[in-house]
Amino acid sequence: MAATATVVALAACGGAQPARQPASGGDPLETPLPSLAWRATSGNVGDVEVPVITGYDLTVVLDSDEPTQIGGRSACNSWGAPLTGWPSEVEVGEITSDAMLCENVSDSEERFREALGVVSAASWTADTLVLTGPGAELVLEPVPPVDLTGVTDVVWRLAEFANDAESPLAPPSFDSDLELHADGTYSMTVGCVVATGEWSEGATQVYVGSSTWKGHDCPTGDSWPLESEQALRLLEADARPVRDGDTLVVTAWGGVTGVFTQSDGSS
């Protein structure tokens, strides 16, 4: 099951700039934030490390250069909270979140939220955001905005698939085509199943609303392979599509990855 992520606008990244330190004494701040979306690369709270697990991002998304809201994903669940005092007297208010249980990443989520709860200052360079507080530090990197140029209204055929961050990419045991339509609808075939629904563009990923799944010429009593069920997660869990020439790579929560190539839609 996919969690609902916080969606905000992402500011354009600028060139290399000197470090911007927390303000003091009301001095003007001259260097703007290079990004509003950030992903943790390391952290600690007390003497305990904040685990950073591939495929289960710890993210911070701000609502503006002078933010009053903060949110993101804490490995398993989406989270959000009010924010005051940016950047020198930061206080993260009460955190609200989804309620999924992910035992394999629960420690990462708990430590990350503990660190957020004591953050009191922020500083940054062009490629690093550091959130600090008594006995805690989170180091984050900017998340590039999603670029859908040349992605929509193209039929993409799944060439390789991995159902989690630890599995190698391999040809799938089923046929699968994906098409994101410019009108905000999508269709995805996975074997004998067709999924349709609506999608929207977020700051760093694509968000898919409720989907309708229908069988098409499925053999009687046919059961879906686990792999094909996992493939449908490519559009259900914080999907991030990146086009490189004639190839589209879609990654999603949990490290689910699909590599697609352009197709004419024929079998």
C-alpha atoms as a PDB file:
ATOM      1  CA  MET A   1       0.000   0.000   0.000  1.00  0.00           C
ATOM      2  CA  ALA A   2       1.339   3.426  -0.886  1.00  0.00           C
ATOM      3  CA  ALA A   3       1.272   6.370   1.452  1.00  0.00           C
ATOM      4  CA  THR A   4       0.100   9.842   0.428  1.00  0.00           C
ATOM      5  CA  ALA A   5       3.112  12.119   0.091  1.00  0.00           C
ATOM      6  CA  THR A   6       3.344  15.831   0.761  1.00  0.00           C
ATOM      7  CA  VAL A   7       3.330  17.801  -2.514  1.00  0.00           C
ATOM      8  CA  VAL A   8       4.929  21.241  -2.746  1.00  0.00           C
ATOM      9  CA  ALA A   9       6.580  23.267  -5.476  1.00  0.00           C
ATOM     10  CA  LEU A  10      10.306  22.779  -5.954  1.00  0.00           C
ATOM     11  CA  ALA A  11      12.527  25.793  -6.495  1.00  0.00           C
ATOM     12  CA  ALA A  12      14.998  25.693  -9.345  1.00  0.00           C
ATOM     13  CA  CYS A  13      18.543  24.785  -8.383  1.00  0.00           C
ATOM     14  CA  GLY A  14      21.156  27.464  -8.843  1.00  0.00           C
ATOM     15  CA  GLY A  15      24.887  27.325  -9.336  1.00  0.00           C
ATOM     16  CA  ALA A  16      27.478  26.750  -6.652  1.00  0.00           C
ATOM     17  CA  GLN A  17      27.140  29.253  -3.856  1.00  0.00           C
ATOM     18  CA  PRO A  18      28.843  29.898  -0.522  1.00  0.00           C
ATOM     19  CA  ALA A  19      27.441  28.321   2.629  1.00  0.00           C
ATOM     20  CA  ARG A  20      24.500  30.111   4.126  1.00  0.00           C
ATOM     21  CA  GLN A  21      24.550  30.151   7.896  1.00  0.00           C
ATOM     22  CA  PRO A  22      21.588  30.678  10.211  1.00  0.00           C
ATOM     23  CA  ALA A  23      20.683  34.331  10.573  1.00  0.00           C
ATOM     24  CA  SER A  24      21.627  36.253  13.671  1.00  0.00           C
ATOM     25  CA  GLY A  25      20.722  39.700  14.902  1.00  0.00           C
ATOM     26  CA  GLY A  26      18.210  40.249  12.110  1.00  0.00           C
ATOM     27  CA  ASP A  27      20.898  40.388   9.405  1.00  0.00           C
ATOM     28  CA  PRO A  28      19.481  39.899   5.895  1.00  0.00           C
ATOM     29  CA  LEU A  29      19.862  36.459   4.294  1.00  0.00           C
ATOM     30  CA  GLU A  30      21.494  36.751   0.913  1.00  0.00           C
ATOM     31  CA  THR A  31      21.721  33.168  -0.359  1.00  0.00           C
ATOM     32  CA  PRO A  32      18.391  31.468  -1.119  1.00  0.00           C
ATOM     33  CA  LEU A  33      17.740  27.800  -0.591  1.00  0.00           C
ATOM     34  CA  PRO A  34      18.912  25.918  -3.705  1.00  0.00           C
ATOM     35  CA  SER A  35      16.061  23.414  -3.324  1.00  0.00           C
ATOM     36  CA  LEU A  36      12.872  22.880  -1.334  1.00  0.00           C
ATOM     37  CA  ALA A  37      13.095  19.064  -1.439  1.00  0.00           C
ATOM     38  CA  TRP A  38      15.868  17.181   0.361  1.00  0.00           C
ATOM     39  CA  ARG A  39      16.833  13.555   1.069  1.00  0.00           C
ATOM     40  CA  ALA A  40      18.835  12.453   4.128  1.00  0.00           C
ATOM     41  CA  THR A  41      22.273  10.944   3.543  1.00  0.00           C
ATOM     42  CA  SER A  42      23.222  10.567   7.221  1.00  0.00           C
ATOM     43  CA  GLY A  43      22.170  11.582  10.692  1.00  0.00           C
ATOM     44  CA  ASN A  44      22.321  10.917  14.383  1.00  0.00           C
ATOM     45  CA  VAL A  45      20.251  11.563  17.461  1.00  0.00           C
ATOM     46  CA  GLY A  46      22.090  11.284  20.757  1.00  0.00           C
ATOM     47  CA  ASP A  47      24.705   8.573  20.233  1.00  0.00           C
ATOM     48  CA  VAL A  48      22.451   6.630  17.879  1.00  0.00           C
ATOM     49  CA  GLU A  49      22.820   6.708  14.091  1.00  0.00           C
ATOM     50  CA  VAL A  50      19.772   7.443  11.954  1.00  0.00           C
ATOM     51  CA  PRO A  51      19.701   4.455   9.543  1.00  0.00           C
ATOM     52  CA  VAL A  52      19.458   5.458   5.878  1.00  0.00           C
ATOM     53  CA  ILE A  53      18.073   2.524   3.884  1.00  0.00           C
ATOM     54  CA  THR A  54      18.165   2.329   0.091  1.00  0.00           C
ATOM     55  CA  GLY A  55      14.673   2.520  -1.382  1.00  0.00           C
ATOM     56  CA  TYR A  56      13.130   3.950   1.803  1.00  0.00           C
ATOM     57  CA  ASP A  57      13.947   7.640   1.674  1.00  0.00           C
ATOM     58  CA  LEU A  58      13.980  10.042   4.601  1.00  0.00           C
ATOM     59  CA  THR A  59      12.905  13.322   3.038  1.00  0.00           C
ATOM     60  CA  VAL A  60      12.269  16.914   4.032  1.00  0.00           C
ATOM     61  CA  VAL A  61      10.115  19.117   1.799  1.00  0.00           C
ATOM     62  CA  LEU A  62       9.640  22.806   2.612  1.00  0.00           C
ATOM     63  CA  ASP A  63       6.717  24.873   1.368  1.00  0.00           C
ATOM     64  CA  SER A  64       8.762  27.984   0.455  1.00  0.00           C
ATOM     65  CA  ASP A  65      12.060  29.836   0.983  1.00  0.00           C
ATOM     66  CA  GLU A  66      10.555  31.153   4.213  1.00  0.00           C
ATOM     67  CA  PRO A  67       8.767  27.965   5.208  1.00  0.00           C
ATOM     68  CA  THR A  68       5.893  27.599   7.656  1.00  0.00           C
ATOM     69  CA  GLN A  69       5.154  23.962   6.736  1.00  0.00           C
ATOM     70  CA  ILE A  70       7.475  20.982   6.494  1.00  0.00           C
ATOM     71  CA  GLY A  71       6.855  17.385   5.458  1.00  0.00           C
ATOM     72  CA  GLY A  72       8.116  14.474   3.418  1.00  0.00           C
ATOM     73  CA  ARG A  73       8.561  10.743   3.903  1.00  0.00           C
ATOM     74  CA  SER A  74      10.040   9.017   6.953  1.00  0.00           C
ATOM     75  CA  ALA A  75      11.106   5.725   5.336  1.00  0.00           C
ATOM     76  CA  CYS A  76       7.660   4.153   5.691  1.00  0.00           C
ATOM     77  CA  ASN A  77       5.059   6.889   6.126  1.00  0.00           C
ATOM     78  CA  SER A  78       4.437  10.370   4.773  1.00  0.00           C
ATOM     79  CA  TRP A  79       4.629  13.076   7.424  1.00  0.00           C
ATOM     80  CA  GLY A  80       3.901  16.771   7.853  1.00  0.00           C
ATOM     81  CA  ALA A  81       4.162  19.442  10.535  1.00  0.00           C
ATOM     82  CA  PRO A  82       3.992  23.204  11.086  1.00  0.00           C
ATOM     83  CA  LEU A  83       7.346  24.999  11.171  1.00  0.00           C
ATOM     84  CA  THR A  84       8.448  28.193  12.900  1.00  0.00           C
ATOM     85  CA  GLY A  85      11.686  30.131  13.389  1.00  0.00           C
ATOM     86  CA  TRP A  86      13.403  29.244  10.093  1.00  0.00           C
ATOM     87  CA  PRO A  87      16.383  29.097   9.914  1.00  0.00           C
ATOM     88  CA  SER A  88      18.016  30.160  13.219  1.00  0.00           C
ATOM     89  CA  GLU A  89      15.345  29.290  15.796  1.00  0.00           C
ATOM     90  CA  VAL A  90      13.687  26.323  14.124  1.00  0.00           C
ATOM     91  CA  GLU A  91      10.895  24.448  15.822  1.00  0.00           C
ATOM     92  CA  VAL A  92       9.093  21.547  14.171  1.00  0.00           C
ATOM     93  CA  GLY A  93       5.551  21.323  15.501  1.00  0.00           C
ATOM     94  CA  GLU A  94       3.445  18.243  16.088  1.00  0.00           C
ATOM     95  CA  ILE A  95       4.043  15.698  13.345  1.00  0.00           C
ATOM     96  CA  THR A  96       1.070  14.028  11.671  1.00  0.00           C
ATOM     97  CA  SER A  97       1.536  11.037   9.401  1.00  0.00           C
ATOM     98  CA  ASP A  98       0.075   7.993   7.744  1.00  0.00           C
ATOM     99  CA  ALA A  99      -0.138   4.846   9.830  1.00  0.00           C
ATOM    100  CA  MET A 100       1.466   2.101   7.757  1.00  0.00           C
ATOM    101  CA  LEU A 101       3.538  -0.476   9.621  1.00  0.00           C
ATOM    102  CA  CYS A 102       6.872  -1.294   7.996  1.00  0.00           C
ATOM    103  CA  GLU A 103       8.825  -3.456  10.403  1.00  0.00           C
ATOM    104  CA  ASN A 104      11.939  -3.589   8.239  1.00  0.00           C
ATOM    105  CA  VAL A 105      12.414   0.209   8.371  1.00  0.00           C
ATOM    106  CA  SER A 106      10.742   1.140  11.664  1.00  0.00           C
ATOM    107  CA  ASP A 107      14.046   1.978  13.365  1.00  0.00           C
ATOM    108  CA  SER A 108      14.980   4.368  10.547  1.00  0.00           C
ATOM    109  CA  GLU A 109      11.598   6.087  10.799  1.00  0.00           C
ATOM    110  CA  GLU A 110      11.719   6.414  14.596  1.00  0.00           C
ATOM    111  CA  ARG A 111      15.260   7.822  14.726  1.00  0.00           C
ATOM    112  CA  PHE A 112      14.512  10.281  11.914  1.00  0.00           C
ATOM    113  CA  ARG A 113      11.443  11.618  13.712  1.00  0.00           C
ATOM    114  CA  GLU A 114      13.343  11.866  16.987  1.00  0.00           C
ATOM    115  CA  ALA A 115      15.945  14.026  15.250  1.00  0.00           C
ATOM    116  CA  LEU A 116      13.282  16.207  13.642  1.00  0.00           C
ATOM    117  CA  GLY A 117      11.706  16.757  17.039  1.00  0.00           C
ATOM    118  CA  VAL A 118      14.790  18.505  18.420  1.00  0.00           C
ATOM    119  CA  VAL A 119      15.923  20.430  15.311  1.00  0.00           C
ATOM    120  CA  SER A 120      16.611  24.060  16.217  1.00  0.00           C
ATOM    121  CA  ALA A 121      18.691  25.449  13.316  1.00  0.00           C
ATOM    122  CA  ALA A 122      19.369  25.012   9.600  1.00  0.00           C
ATOM    123  CA  SER A 123      22.341  25.852   7.392  1.00  0.00           C
ATOM    124  CA  TRP A 124      23.122  24.985   3.793  1.00  0.00           C
ATOM    125  CA  THR A 125      25.392  25.120   0.777  1.00  0.00           C
ATOM    126  CA  ALA A 126      24.445  24.560  -2.862  1.00  0.00           C
ATOM    127  CA  ASP A 127      24.409  20.788  -2.358  1.00  0.00           C
ATOM    128  CA  THR A 128      23.852  20.150   1.361  1.00  0.00           C
ATOM    129  CA  LEU A 129      21.242  21.030   3.987  1.00  0.00           C
ATOM    130  CA  VAL A 130      22.168  20.455   7.626  1.00  0.00           C
ATOM    131  CA  LEU A 131      19.511  20.423  10.332  1.00  0.00           C
ATOM    132  CA  THR A 132      20.885  20.517  13.861  1.00  0.00           C
ATOM    133  CA  GLY A 133      19.594  20.487  17.413  1.00  0.00           C
ATOM    134  CA  PRO A 134      20.705  19.400  20.888  1.00  0.00           C
ATOM    135  CA  GLY A 135      22.463  16.087  20.343  1.00  0.00           C
ATOM    136  CA  ALA A 136      21.086  15.654  16.817  1.00  0.00           C
ATOM    137  CA  GLU A 137      22.083  16.284  13.221  1.00  0.00           C
ATOM    138  CA  LEU A 138      20.555  15.455   9.838  1.00  0.00           C
ATOM    139  CA  VAL A 139      22.591  15.884   6.645  1.00  0.00           C
ATOM    140  CA  LEU A 140      20.555  16.018   3.436  1.00  0.00           C
ATOM    141  CA  GLU A 141      21.113  16.317  -0.311  1.00  0.00           C
ATOM    142  CA  PRO A 142      18.797  18.106  -2.777  1.00  0.00           C
ATOM    143  CA  VAL A 143      16.298  16.008  -4.725  1.00  0.00           C
ATOM    144  CA  PRO A 144      16.120  17.084  -8.390  1.00  0.00           C
ATOM    145  CA  PRO A 145      12.688  18.032  -9.725  1.00  0.00           C
ATOM    146  CA  VAL A 146      10.913  15.487 -11.878  1.00  0.00           C
ATOM    147  CA  ASP A 147      11.220  16.205 -15.618  1.00  0.00           C
ATOM    148  CA  LEU A 148       8.457  14.745 -17.785  1.00  0.00           C
ATOM    149  CA  THR A 149       9.747  16.124 -21.085  1.00  0.00           C
ATOM    150  CA  GLY A 150       9.220  13.415 -23.694  1.00  0.00           C
ATOM    151  CA  VAL A 151       7.639  11.048 -21.164  1.00  0.00           C
ATOM    152  CA  THR A 152       3.912  11.576 -21.719  1.00  0.00           C
ATOM    153  CA  ASP A 153       1.841  10.183 -24.593  1.00  0.00           C
ATOM    154  CA  VAL A 154       4.511   7.597 -25.347  1.00  0.00           C
ATOM    155  CA  VAL A 155       3.971   3.840 -25.028  1.00  0.00           C
ATOM    156  CA  TRP A 156       6.715   2.403 -22.811  1.00  0.00           C
ATOM    157  CA  ARG A 157       7.376  -1.360 -22.682  1.00  0.00           C
ATOM    158  CA  LEU A 158       8.880  -2.919 -19.566  1.00  0.00           C
ATOM    159  CA  ALA A 159      12.291  -4.405 -20.423  1.00  0.00           C
ATOM    160  CA  GLU A 160      13.762  -5.011 -16.958  1.00  0.00           C
ATOM    161  CA  PHE A 161      12.283  -5.116 -13.477  1.00  0.00           C
ATOM    162  CA  ALA A 162      13.393  -5.410  -9.838  1.00  0.00           C
ATOM    163  CA  ASN A 163      10.792  -5.845  -7.102  1.00  0.00           C
ATOM    164  CA  ASP A 164      12.923  -4.283  -4.346  1.00  0.00           C
ATOM    165  CA  ALA A 165      16.160  -2.394  -3.756  1.00  0.00           C
ATOM    166  CA  GLU A 166      18.161  -5.581  -3.151  1.00  0.00           C
ATOM    167  CA  SER A 167      17.052  -7.489  -6.257  1.00  0.00           C
ATOM    168  CA  PRO A 168      18.967  -7.214  -9.553  1.00  0.00           C
ATOM    169  CA  LEU A 169      17.227  -5.938 -12.663  1.00  0.00           C
ATOM    170  CA  ALA A 170      16.063  -8.784 -14.909  1.00  0.00           C
ATOM    171  CA  PRO A 171      13.661  -9.275 -17.836  1.00  0.00           C
ATOM    172  CA  PRO A 172      10.107  -9.688 -16.489  1.00  0.00           C
ATOM    173  CA  SER A 173       8.155 -12.929 -16.884  1.00  0.00           C
ATOM    174  CA  PHE A 174       5.158 -10.954 -18.196  1.00  0.00           C
ATOM    175  CA  ASP A 175       4.400  -8.262 -20.793  1.00  0.00           C
ATOM    176  CA  SER A 176       3.803  -4.759 -19.472  1.00  0.00           C
ATOM    177  CA  ASP A 177       3.155  -1.444 -21.229  1.00  0.00           C
ATOM    178  CA  LEU A 178       2.871   1.957 -19.563  1.00  0.00           C
ATOM    179  CA  GLU A 179       1.455   5.201 -20.920  1.00  0.00           C
ATOM    180  CA  LEU A 180       1.139   8.477 -19.013  1.00  0.00           C
ATOM    181  CA  HIS A 181      -1.270  10.680 -20.927  1.00  0.00           C
ATOM    182  CA  ALA A 182      -0.828  14.450 -20.997  1.00  0.00           C
ATOM    183  CA  ASP A 183      -4.476  14.867 -19.960  1.00  0.00           C
ATOM    184  CA  GLY A 184      -3.660  13.435 -16.510  1.00  0.00           C
ATOM    185  CA  THR A 185      -4.828   9.863 -17.097  1.00  0.00           C
ATOM    186  CA  TYR A 186      -2.708   6.738 -17.410  1.00  0.00           C
ATOM    187  CA  SER A 187      -2.929   3.098 -18.429  1.00  0.00           C
ATOM    188  CA  MET A 188      -0.650   0.206 -17.535  1.00  0.00           C
ATOM    189  CA  THR A 189      -0.954  -3.382 -18.679  1.00  0.00           C
ATOM    190  CA  VAL A 190       0.633  -6.109 -16.560  1.00  0.00           C
ATOM    191  CA  GLY A 191       0.122  -9.520 -18.097  1.00  0.00           C
ATOM    192  CA  CYS A 192      -3.635  -9.961 -18.508  1.00  0.00           C
ATOM    193  CA  VAL A 193      -4.474  -7.049 -16.180  1.00  0.00           C
ATOM    194  CA  VAL A 194      -5.088  -3.444 -17.235  1.00  0.00           C
ATOM    195  CA  ALA A 195      -4.788  -0.675 -14.636  1.00  0.00           C
ATOM    196  CA  THR A 196      -6.181   2.786 -15.401  1.00  0.00           C
ATOM    197  CA  GLY A 197      -6.516   5.955 -13.380  1.00  0.00           C
ATOM    198  CA  GLU A 198      -5.337   9.527 -12.957  1.00  0.00           C
ATOM    199  CA  TRP A 199      -1.909  10.949 -12.182  1.00  0.00           C
ATOM    200  CA  SER A 200      -0.460  14.342 -11.262  1.00  0.00           C
ATOM    201  CA  GLU A 201       3.019  15.835 -11.315  1.00  0.00           C
ATOM    202  CA  GLY A 202       4.648  16.569  -7.966  1.00  0.00           C
ATOM    203  CA  ALA A 203       7.885  18.301  -7.131  1.00  0.00           C
ATOM    204  CA  THR A 204      10.071  15.209  -7.307  1.00  0.00           C
ATOM    205  CA  GLN A 205       7.751  12.403  -8.398  1.00  0.00           C
ATOM    206  CA  VAL A 206       4.453  11.383  -9.964  1.00  0.00           C
ATOM    207  CA  TYR A 207       1.404  10.836  -7.774  1.00  0.00           C
ATOM    208  CA  VAL A 208      -1.235   8.330  -8.844  1.00  0.00           C
ATOM    209  CA  GLY A 209      -4.768   8.456  -7.516  1.00  0.00           C
ATOM    210  CA  SER A 210      -7.107   5.495  -7.129  1.00  0.00           C
ATOM    211  CA  SER A 211      -6.715   2.910  -9.879  1.00  0.00           C
ATOM    212  CA  THR A 212      -9.158   0.574 -11.599  1.00  0.00           C
ATOM    213  CA  TRP A 213      -7.821  -2.902 -12.359  1.00  0.00           C
ATOM    214  CA  LYS A 214      -9.538  -5.111 -14.921  1.00  0.00           C
ATOM    215  CA  GLY A 215      -8.652  -8.535 -16.273  1.00  0.00           C
ATOM    216  CA  HIS A 216      -8.434  -8.817 -20.054  1.00  0.00           C
ATOM    217  CA  ASP A 217      -8.548 -12.287 -21.633  1.00  0.00           C
ATOM    218  CA  CYS A 218      -7.230 -13.829 -18.413  1.00  0.00           C
ATOM    219  CA  PRO A 219      -7.303 -17.658 -18.392  1.00  0.00           C
ATOM    220  CA  THR A 220      -9.898 -19.132 -16.035  1.00  0.00           C
ATOM    221  CA  GLY A 221      -8.441 -19.574 -12.588  1.00  0.00           C
ATOM    222  CA  ASP A 222      -5.290 -17.700 -13.559  1.00  0.00           C
ATOM    223  CA  SER A 223      -3.444 -16.237 -10.581  1.00  0.00           C
ATOM    224  CA  TRP A 224      -1.141 -13.256 -10.738  1.00  0.00           C
ATOM    225  CA  PRO A 225       2.551 -13.936 -10.216  1.00  0.00           C
ATOM    226  CA  LEU A 226       3.913 -12.007  -7.237  1.00  0.00           C
ATOM    227  CA  GLU A 227       6.270 -10.227  -9.664  1.00  0.00           C
ATOM    228  CA  SER A 228       3.373  -8.779 -11.664  1.00  0.00           C
ATOM    229  CA  GLU A 229       1.665  -7.550  -8.492  1.00  0.00           C
ATOM    230  CA  GLN A 230       4.915  -5.835  -7.535  1.00  0.00           C
ATOM    231  CA  ALA A 231       5.131  -4.230 -10.987  1.00  0.00           C
ATOM    232  CA  LEU A 232       1.859  -2.412 -10.384  1.00  0.00           C
ATOM    233  CA  ARG A 233       3.594  -0.724  -7.429  1.00  0.00           C
ATOM    234  CA  LEU A 234       5.634   1.269  -9.933  1.00  0.00           C
ATOM    235  CA  LEU A 235       2.692   3.663 -10.161  1.00  0.00           C
ATOM    236  CA  GLU A 236       1.348   3.294  -6.648  1.00  0.00           C
ATOM    237  CA  ALA A 237       4.224   4.326  -4.430  1.00  0.00           C
ATOM    238  CA  ASP A 238       5.940   7.657  -5.058  1.00  0.00           C
ATOM    239  CA  ALA A 239       6.898   6.879  -8.643  1.00  0.00           C
ATOM    240  CA  ARG A 240       9.857   8.833 -10.031  1.00  0.00           C
ATOM    241  CA  PRO A 241      10.272   8.571 -13.835  1.00  0.00           C
ATOM    242  CA  VAL A 242      13.555   9.627 -15.450  1.00  0.00           C
ATOM    243  CA  ARG A 243      13.995   9.541 -19.233  1.00  0.00           C
ATOM    244  CA  ASP A 244      17.391   8.922 -20.800  1.00  0.00           C
ATOM    245  CA  GLY A 245      17.124   8.857 -24.588  1.00  0.00           C
ATOM    246  CA  ASP A 246      14.814   6.004 -25.584  1.00  0.00           C
ATOM    247  CA  THR A 247      14.823   4.566 -22.057  1.00  0.00           C
ATOM    248  CA  LEU A 248      12.537   5.423 -19.133  1.00  0.00           C
ATOM    249  CA  VAL A 249      13.563   4.354 -15.632  1.00  0.00           C
ATOM    250  CA  VAL A 250      10.799   4.396 -13.015  1.00  0.00           C
ATOM    251  CA  THR A 251      11.724   3.954  -9.356  1.00  0.00           C
ATOM    252  CA  ALA A 252       9.245   3.734  -6.504  1.00  0.00           C
ATOM    253  CA  TRP A 253       9.066   3.319  -2.744  1.00  0.00           C
ATOM    254  CA  GLY A 254      10.848   0.208  -1.515  1.00  0.00           C
ATOM    255  CA  GLY A 255      13.302   0.251  -4.396  1.00  0.00           C
ATOM    256  CA  VAL A 256      10.847  -1.169  -6.960  1.00  0.00           C
ATOM    257  CA  THR A 257      12.422  -0.342 -10.341  1.00  0.00           C
ATOM    258  CA  GLY A 258      11.269  -0.701 -13.918  1.00  0.00           C
ATOM    259  CA  VAL A 259      13.329   0.012 -17.028  1.00  0.00           C
ATOM    260  CA  PHE A 260      11.114   0.763 -20.036  1.00  0.00           C
ATOM    261  CA  THR A 261      11.897   1.244 -23.714  1.00  0.00           C
ATOM    262  CA  GLN A 262       9.767   2.982 -26.343  1.00  0.00           C
ATOM    263  CA  SER A 263       7.189   0.744 -27.980  1.00  0.00           C
ATOM    264  CA  ASP A 264       4.659   1.008 -30.762  1.00  0.00           C
ATOM    265  CA  GLY A 265       2.196  -0.737 -28.458  1.00  0.00           C
ATOM    266  CA  SER A 266       2.098  -3.975 -30.463  1.00  0.00           C
ATOM    267  CA  SER A 267       2.873  -7.364 -28.938  1.00  0.00           C
END
